[in-house]
Amino acid sequence: MVTKSIIPSLDSLFGEAVYISARKIAQAVETSETTVWRWSKSGKLPKPYKLGEGTTRWRADEVCAALAKLAA
């Protein structure tokens, strides 16, 4: 029996992006931005990077790895 992953093809979730926003993560996993921040704070997702004034992003490769771990 084949089990369908809850994460649709991790390679195509964020395209070629290196850094992604909470909004993009939330859209990809169909949840709210608040949940993304909560997961980051609890360690389910990696900590974000502060790229400048008012710009906080996550590395796409780190997020994909964390989501794959959560799906397993």
PDB file of N, CA and C in Angstrom:
ATOM      1  N   MET A   1       0.843  -1.179   0.000  1.00  0.00           N
ATOM      2  CA  MET A   1       0.000   0.000   0.000  1.00  0.00           C
ATOM      3  C   MET A   1       0.890   1.244   0.000  1.00  0.00           C
ATOM      4  N   VAL A   2       0.601   2.189  -0.869  1.00  0.00           N
ATOM      5  CA  VAL A   2       1.377   3.413  -0.970  1.00  0.00           C
ATOM      6  C   VAL A   2       0.713   4.486  -0.133  1.00  0.00           C
ATOM      7  N   THR A   3       1.494   5.129   0.711  1.00  0.00           N
ATOM      8  CA  THR A   3       0.980   6.205   1.544  1.00  0.00           C
ATOM      9  C   THR A   3       1.261   7.529   0.865  1.00  0.00           C
ATOM     10  N   LYS A   4       0.239   8.340   0.683  1.00  0.00           N
ATOM     11  CA  LYS A   4       0.402   9.644   0.046  1.00  0.00           C
ATOM     12  C   LYS A   4       0.941  10.639   1.070  1.00  0.00           C
ATOM     13  N   SER A   5       1.984  11.345   0.681  1.00  0.00           N
ATOM     14  CA  SER A   5       2.583  12.339   1.567  1.00  0.00           C
ATOM     15  C   SER A   5       1.682  13.559   1.662  1.00  0.00           C
ATOM     16  N   ILE A   6       1.646  14.193   2.826  1.00  0.00           N
ATOM     17  CA  ILE A   6       0.860  15.414   2.973  1.00  0.00           C
ATOM     18  C   ILE A   6       1.568  16.614   2.364  1.00  0.00           C
ATOM     19  N   ILE A   7       2.848  16.474   2.034  1.00  0.00           N
ATOM     20  CA  ILE A   7       3.630  17.556   1.445  1.00  0.00           C
ATOM     21  C   ILE A   7       3.738  17.308  -0.055  1.00  0.00           C
ATOM     22  N   PRO A   8       3.138  18.177  -0.884  1.00  0.00           N
ATOM     23  CA  PRO A   8       3.225  17.984  -2.330  1.00  0.00           C
ATOM     24  C   PRO A   8       4.627  18.288  -2.828  1.00  0.00           C
ATOM     25  N   SER A   9       5.231  17.369  -3.528  1.00  0.00           N
ATOM     26  CA  SER A   9       6.583  17.453  -4.083  1.00  0.00           C
ATOM     27  C   SER A   9       7.412  18.593  -3.503  1.00  0.00           C
ATOM     28  N   LEU A  10       8.176  18.278  -2.502  1.00  0.00           N
ATOM     29  CA  LEU A  10       8.979  19.275  -1.796  1.00  0.00           C
ATOM     30  C   LEU A  10       9.869  20.086  -2.717  1.00  0.00           C
ATOM     31  N   ASP A  11      10.342  19.480  -3.796  1.00  0.00           N
ATOM     32  CA  ASP A  11      11.216  20.203  -4.717  1.00  0.00           C
ATOM     33  C   ASP A  11      10.499  21.354  -5.402  1.00  0.00           C
ATOM     34  N   SER A  12       9.188  21.242  -5.561  1.00  0.00           N
ATOM     35  CA  SER A  12       8.462  22.291  -6.276  1.00  0.00           C
ATOM     36  C   SER A  12       7.666  23.221  -5.365  1.00  0.00           C
ATOM     37  N   LEU A  13       7.754  23.046  -4.062  1.00  0.00           N
ATOM     38  CA  LEU A  13       6.972  23.883  -3.149  1.00  0.00           C
ATOM     39  C   LEU A  13       7.276  25.372  -3.303  1.00  0.00           C
ATOM     40  N   PHE A  14       8.537  25.707  -3.382  1.00  0.00           N
ATOM     41  CA  PHE A  14       8.914  27.114  -3.371  1.00  0.00           C
ATOM     42  C   PHE A  14       9.696  27.527  -4.615  1.00  0.00           C
ATOM     43  N   GLY A  15       9.710  26.713  -5.632  1.00  0.00           N
ATOM     44  CA  GLY A  15      10.414  27.049  -6.859  1.00  0.00           C
ATOM     45  C   GLY A  15      11.905  27.202  -6.617  1.00  0.00           C
ATOM     46  N   GLU A  16      12.487  28.225  -7.186  1.00  0.00           N
ATOM     47  CA  GLU A  16      13.924  28.472  -7.069  1.00  0.00           C
ATOM     48  C   GLU A  16      14.263  29.435  -5.927  1.00  0.00           C
ATOM     49  N   ALA A  17      13.304  29.771  -5.094  1.00  0.00           N
ATOM     50  CA  ALA A  17      13.525  30.741  -4.026  1.00  0.00           C
ATOM     51  C   ALA A  17      14.550  30.241  -3.018  1.00  0.00           C
ATOM     52  N   VAL A  18      15.390  31.143  -2.557  1.00  0.00           N
ATOM     53  CA  VAL A  18      16.350  30.818  -1.506  1.00  0.00           C
ATOM     54  C   VAL A  18      15.744  31.161  -0.153  1.00  0.00           C
ATOM     55  N   TYR A  19      15.107  32.326  -0.061  1.00  0.00           N
ATOM     56  CA  TYR A  19      14.433  32.753   1.163  1.00  0.00           C
ATOM     57  C   TYR A  19      12.943  32.896   0.884  1.00  0.00           C
ATOM     58  N   ILE A  20      12.119  32.498   1.858  1.00  0.00           N
ATOM     59  CA  ILE A  20      10.672  32.558   1.683  1.00  0.00           C
ATOM     60  C   ILE A  20      10.011  33.170   2.911  1.00  0.00           C
ATOM     61  N   SER A  21       8.865  33.754   2.700  1.00  0.00           N
ATOM     62  CA  SER A  21       8.134  34.429   3.763  1.00  0.00           C
ATOM     63  C   SER A  21       7.205  33.463   4.498  1.00  0.00           C
ATOM     64  N   ALA A  22       6.729  33.908   5.644  1.00  0.00           N
ATOM     65  CA  ALA A  22       5.751  33.133   6.405  1.00  0.00           C
ATOM     66  C   ALA A  22       4.493  32.928   5.571  1.00  0.00           C
ATOM     67  N   ARG A  23       4.128  33.913   4.782  1.00  0.00           N
ATOM     68  CA  ARG A  23       2.934  33.816   3.939  1.00  0.00           C
ATOM     69  C   ARG A  23       3.084  32.675   2.922  1.00  0.00           C
ATOM     70  N   LYS A  24       4.249  32.585   2.274  1.00  0.00           N
ATOM     71  CA  LYS A  24       4.482  31.532   1.280  1.00  0.00           C
ATOM     72  C   LYS A  24       4.477  30.152   1.929  1.00  0.00           C
ATOM     73  N   ILE A  25       5.079  30.048   3.111  1.00  0.00           N
ATOM     74  CA  ILE A  25       5.080  28.768   3.826  1.00  0.00           C
ATOM     75  C   ILE A  25       3.644  28.382   4.177  1.00  0.00           C
ATOM     76  N   ALA A  26       2.892  29.335   4.714  1.00  0.00           N
ATOM     77  CA  ALA A  26       1.507  29.074   5.108  1.00  0.00           C
ATOM     78  C   ALA A  26       0.670  28.627   3.913  1.00  0.00           C
ATOM     79  N   GLN A  27       0.850  29.276   2.775  1.00  0.00           N
ATOM     80  CA  GLN A  27       0.113  28.884   1.574  1.00  0.00           C
ATOM     81  C   GLN A  27       0.494  27.481   1.135  1.00  0.00           C
ATOM     82  N   ALA A  28       1.763  27.152   1.208  1.00  0.00           N
ATOM     83  CA  ALA A  28       2.238  25.845   0.753  1.00  0.00           C
ATOM     84  C   ALA A  28       1.678  24.700   1.582  1.00  0.00           C
ATOM     85  N   VAL A  29       1.526  24.912   2.884  1.00  0.00           N
ATOM     86  CA  VAL A  29       1.033  23.836   3.755  1.00  0.00           C
ATOM     87  C   VAL A  29      -0.405  24.068   4.212  1.00  0.00           C
ATOM     88  N   GLU A  30      -1.051  25.052   3.587  1.00  0.00           N
ATOM     89  CA  GLU A  30      -2.460  25.346   3.849  1.00  0.00           C
ATOM     90  C   GLU A  30      -2.760  25.553   5.326  1.00  0.00           C
ATOM     91  N   THR A  31      -2.038  26.496   5.906  1.00  0.00           N
ATOM     92  CA  THR A  31      -2.261  26.870   7.300  1.00  0.00           C
ATOM     93  C   THR A  31      -2.149  28.390   7.405  1.00  0.00           C
ATOM     94  N   SER A  32      -2.169  28.906   8.599  1.00  0.00           N
ATOM     95  CA  SER A  32      -2.084  30.357   8.782  1.00  0.00           C
ATOM     96  C   SER A  32      -0.643  30.791   9.041  1.00  0.00           C
ATOM     97  N   GLU A  33      -0.389  32.064   8.820  1.00  0.00           N
ATOM     98  CA  GLU A  33       0.934  32.611   9.116  1.00  0.00           C
ATOM     99  C   GLU A  33       1.239  32.501  10.609  1.00  0.00           C
ATOM    100  N   THR A  34       0.222  32.646  11.435  1.00  0.00           N
ATOM    101  CA  THR A  34       0.400  32.515  12.879  1.00  0.00           C
ATOM    102  C   THR A  34       0.921  31.129  13.233  1.00  0.00           C
ATOM    103  N   THR A  35       0.402  30.110  12.571  1.00  0.00           N
ATOM    104  CA  THR A  35       0.863  28.742  12.812  1.00  0.00           C
ATOM    105  C   THR A  35       2.319  28.576  12.396  1.00  0.00           C
ATOM    106  N   VAL A  36       2.704  29.192  11.281  1.00  0.00           N
ATOM    107  CA  VAL A  36       4.097  29.130  10.837  1.00  0.00           C
ATOM    108  C   VAL A  36       5.005  29.710  11.912  1.00  0.00           C
ATOM    109  N   TRP A  37       4.646  30.857  12.444  1.00  0.00           N
ATOM    110  CA  TRP A  37       5.453  31.483  13.503  1.00  0.00           C
ATOM    111  C   TRP A  37       5.471  30.617  14.760  1.00  0.00           C
ATOM    112  N   ARG A  38       4.340  30.023  15.086  1.00  0.00           N
ATOM    113  CA  ARG A  38       4.252  29.144  16.272  1.00  0.00           C
ATOM    114  C   ARG A  38       5.144  27.919  16.088  1.00  0.00           C
ATOM    115  N   TRP A  39       5.116  27.310  14.885  1.00  0.00           N
ATOM    116  CA  TRP A  39       5.959  26.149  14.606  1.00  0.00           C
ATOM    117  C   TRP A  39       7.431  26.513  14.694  1.00  0.00           C
ATOM    118  N   SER A  40       7.770  27.712  14.237  1.00  0.00           N
ATOM    119  CA  SER A  40       9.163  28.156  14.297  1.00  0.00           C
ATOM    120  C   SER A  40       9.606  28.337  15.750  1.00  0.00           C
ATOM    121  N   LYS A  41       8.743  28.928  16.531  1.00  0.00           N
ATOM    122  CA  LYS A  41       9.063  29.157  17.947  1.00  0.00           C
ATOM    123  C   LYS A  41       9.207  27.840  18.709  1.00  0.00           C
ATOM    124  N   SER A  42       8.395  26.838  18.349  1.00  0.00           N
ATOM    125  CA  SER A  42       8.429  25.554  19.055  1.00  0.00           C
ATOM    126  C   SER A  42       9.515  24.612  18.531  1.00  0.00           C
ATOM    127  N   GLY A  43      10.152  24.972  17.408  1.00  0.00           N
ATOM    128  CA  GLY A  43      11.226  24.141  16.875  1.00  0.00           C
ATOM    129  C   GLY A  43      10.809  23.195  15.760  1.00  0.00           C
ATOM    130  N   LYS A  44       9.526  23.184  15.398  1.00  0.00           N
ATOM    131  CA  LYS A  44       9.083  22.334  14.294  1.00  0.00           C
ATOM    132  C   LYS A  44       9.614  22.858  12.959  1.00  0.00           C
ATOM    133  N   LEU A  45       9.766  24.150  12.862  1.00  0.00           N
ATOM    134  CA  LEU A  45      10.384  24.795  11.699  1.00  0.00           C
ATOM    135  C   LEU A  45      11.649  25.486  12.178  1.00  0.00           C
ATOM    136  N   PRO A  46      12.602  25.718  11.279  1.00  0.00           N
ATOM    137  CA  PRO A  46      13.825  26.416  11.691  1.00  0.00           C
ATOM    138  C   PRO A  46      13.543  27.877  12.049  1.00  0.00           C
ATOM    139  N   LYS A  47      14.483  28.489  12.729  1.00  0.00           N
ATOM    140  CA  LYS A  47      14.371  29.901  13.068  1.00  0.00           C
ATOM    141  C   LYS A  47      14.557  30.729  11.793  1.00  0.00           C
ATOM    142  N   PRO A  48      13.817  31.828  11.655  1.00  0.00           N
ATOM    143  CA  PRO A  48      13.959  32.668  10.465  1.00  0.00           C
ATOM    144  C   PRO A  48      15.190  33.569  10.554  1.00  0.00           C
ATOM    145  N   TYR A  49      15.524  34.168   9.420  1.00  0.00           N
ATOM    146  CA  TYR A  49      16.646  35.109   9.326  1.00  0.00           C
ATOM    147  C   TYR A  49      16.097  36.519   9.156  1.00  0.00           C
ATOM    148  N   LYS A  50      16.676  37.457   9.857  1.00  0.00           N
ATOM    149  CA  LYS A  50      16.317  38.866   9.726  1.00  0.00           C
ATOM    150  C   LYS A  50      17.180  39.440   8.606  1.00  0.00           C
ATOM    151  N   LEU A  51      16.582  39.742   7.449  1.00  0.00           N
ATOM    152  CA  LEU A  51      17.327  40.222   6.293  1.00  0.00           C
ATOM    153  C   LEU A  51      17.421  41.738   6.239  1.00  0.00           C
ATOM    154  N   GLY A  52      16.611  42.410   7.015  1.00  0.00           N
ATOM    155  CA  GLY A  52      16.629  43.866   7.042  1.00  0.00           C
ATOM    156  C   GLY A  52      15.456  44.370   7.853  1.00  0.00           C
ATOM    157  N   GLU A  53      15.294  45.665   7.867  1.00  0.00           N
ATOM    158  CA  GLU A  53      14.193  46.295   8.600  1.00  0.00           C
ATOM    159  C   GLU A  53      12.854  45.778   8.072  1.00  0.00           C
ATOM    160  N   GLY A  54      12.115  45.067   8.893  1.00  0.00           N
ATOM    161  CA  GLY A  54      10.796  44.567   8.507  1.00  0.00           C
ATOM    162  C   GLY A  54      10.821  43.406   7.530  1.00  0.00           C
ATOM    163  N   THR A  55      11.965  42.746   7.355  1.00  0.00           N
ATOM    164  CA  THR A  55      12.069  41.628   6.423  1.00  0.00           C
ATOM    165  C   THR A  55      12.650  40.412   7.131  1.00  0.00           C
ATOM    166  N   THR A  56      11.793  39.457   7.407  1.00  0.00           N
ATOM    167  CA  THR A  56      12.197  38.217   8.047  1.00  0.00           C
ATOM    168  C   THR A  56      11.802  37.075   7.131  1.00  0.00           C
ATOM    169  N   ARG A  57      12.745  36.191   6.839  1.00  0.00           N
ATOM    170  CA  ARG A  57      12.496  35.092   5.913  1.00  0.00           C
ATOM    171  C   ARG A  57      13.158  33.812   6.413  1.00  0.00           C
ATOM    172  N   TRP A  58      12.677  32.693   5.893  1.00  0.00           N
ATOM    173  CA  TRP A  58      13.250  31.382   6.165  1.00  0.00           C
ATOM    174  C   TRP A  58      13.986  30.907   4.925  1.00  0.00           C
ATOM    175  N   ARG A  59      15.017  30.104   5.123  1.00  0.00           N
ATOM    176  CA  ARG A  59      15.698  29.476   3.982  1.00  0.00           C
ATOM    177  C   ARG A  59      14.808  28.340   3.480  1.00  0.00           C
ATOM    178  N   ALA A  60      14.538  28.333   2.192  1.00  0.00           N
ATOM    179  CA  ALA A  60      13.633  27.348   1.601  1.00  0.00           C
ATOM    180  C   ALA A  60      14.114  25.923   1.826  1.00  0.00           C
ATOM    181  N   ASP A  61      15.419  25.684   1.691  1.00  0.00           N
ATOM    182  CA  ASP A  61      15.926  24.318   1.870  1.00  0.00           C
ATOM    183  C   ASP A  61      15.741  23.830   3.303  1.00  0.00           C
ATOM    184  N   GLU A  62      15.906  24.713   4.275  1.00  0.00           N
ATOM    185  CA  GLU A  62      15.715  24.337   5.674  1.00  0.00           C
ATOM    186  C   GLU A  62      14.246  24.038   5.964  1.00  0.00           C
ATOM    187  N   VAL A  63      13.364  24.842   5.386  1.00  0.00           N
ATOM    188  CA  VAL A  63      11.926  24.622   5.583  1.00  0.00           C
ATOM    189  C   VAL A  63      11.495  23.302   4.948  1.00  0.00           C
ATOM    190  N   CYS A  64      11.965  23.032   3.740  1.00  0.00           N
ATOM    191  CA  CYS A  64      11.615  21.767   3.074  1.00  0.00           C
ATOM    192  C   CYS A  64      12.094  20.575   3.886  1.00  0.00           C
ATOM    193  N   ALA A  65      13.289  20.648   4.442  1.00  0.00           N
ATOM    194  CA  ALA A  65      13.817  19.563   5.271  1.00  0.00           C
ATOM    195  C   ALA A  65      12.959  19.387   6.525  1.00  0.00           C
ATOM    196  N   ALA A  66      12.565  20.471   7.151  1.00  0.00           N
ATOM    197  CA  ALA A  66      11.735  20.393   8.364  1.00  0.00           C
ATOM    198  C   ALA A  66      10.359  19.835   8.043  1.00  0.00           C
ATOM    199  N   LEU A  67       9.774  20.254   6.917  1.00  0.00           N
ATOM    200  CA  LEU A  67       8.454  19.755   6.541  1.00  0.00           C
ATOM    201  C   LEU A  67       8.505  18.266   6.201  1.00  0.00           C
ATOM    202  N   ALA A  68       9.577  17.839   5.561  1.00  0.00           N
ATOM    203  CA  ALA A  68       9.732  16.417   5.253  1.00  0.00           C
ATOM    204  C   ALA A  68       9.835  15.596   6.539  1.00  0.00           C
ATOM    205  N   LYS A  69      10.544  16.144   7.513  1.00  0.00           N
ATOM    206  CA  LYS A  69      10.680  15.464   8.803  1.00  0.00           C
ATOM    207  C   LYS A  69       9.328  15.381   9.516  1.00  0.00           C
ATOM    208  N   LEU A  70       8.536  16.461   9.433  1.00  0.00           N
ATOM    209  CA  LEU A  70       7.206  16.459  10.052  1.00  0.00           C
ATOM    210  C   LEU A  70       6.263  15.465   9.367  1.00  0.00           C
ATOM    211  N   ALA A  71       6.399  15.329   8.066  1.00  0.00           N
ATOM    212  CA  ALA A  71       5.521  14.446   7.301  1.00  0.00           C
ATOM    213  C   ALA A  71       5.856  12.975   7.531  1.00  0.00           C
ATOM    214  N   ALA A  72       7.089  12.693   7.939  1.00  0.00           N
ATOM    215  CA  ALA A  72       7.515  11.288   8.106  1.00  0.00           C
ATOM    216  C   ALA A  72       6.940  10.642   9.343  1.00  0.00           C
TER     217      ALA A  72
END
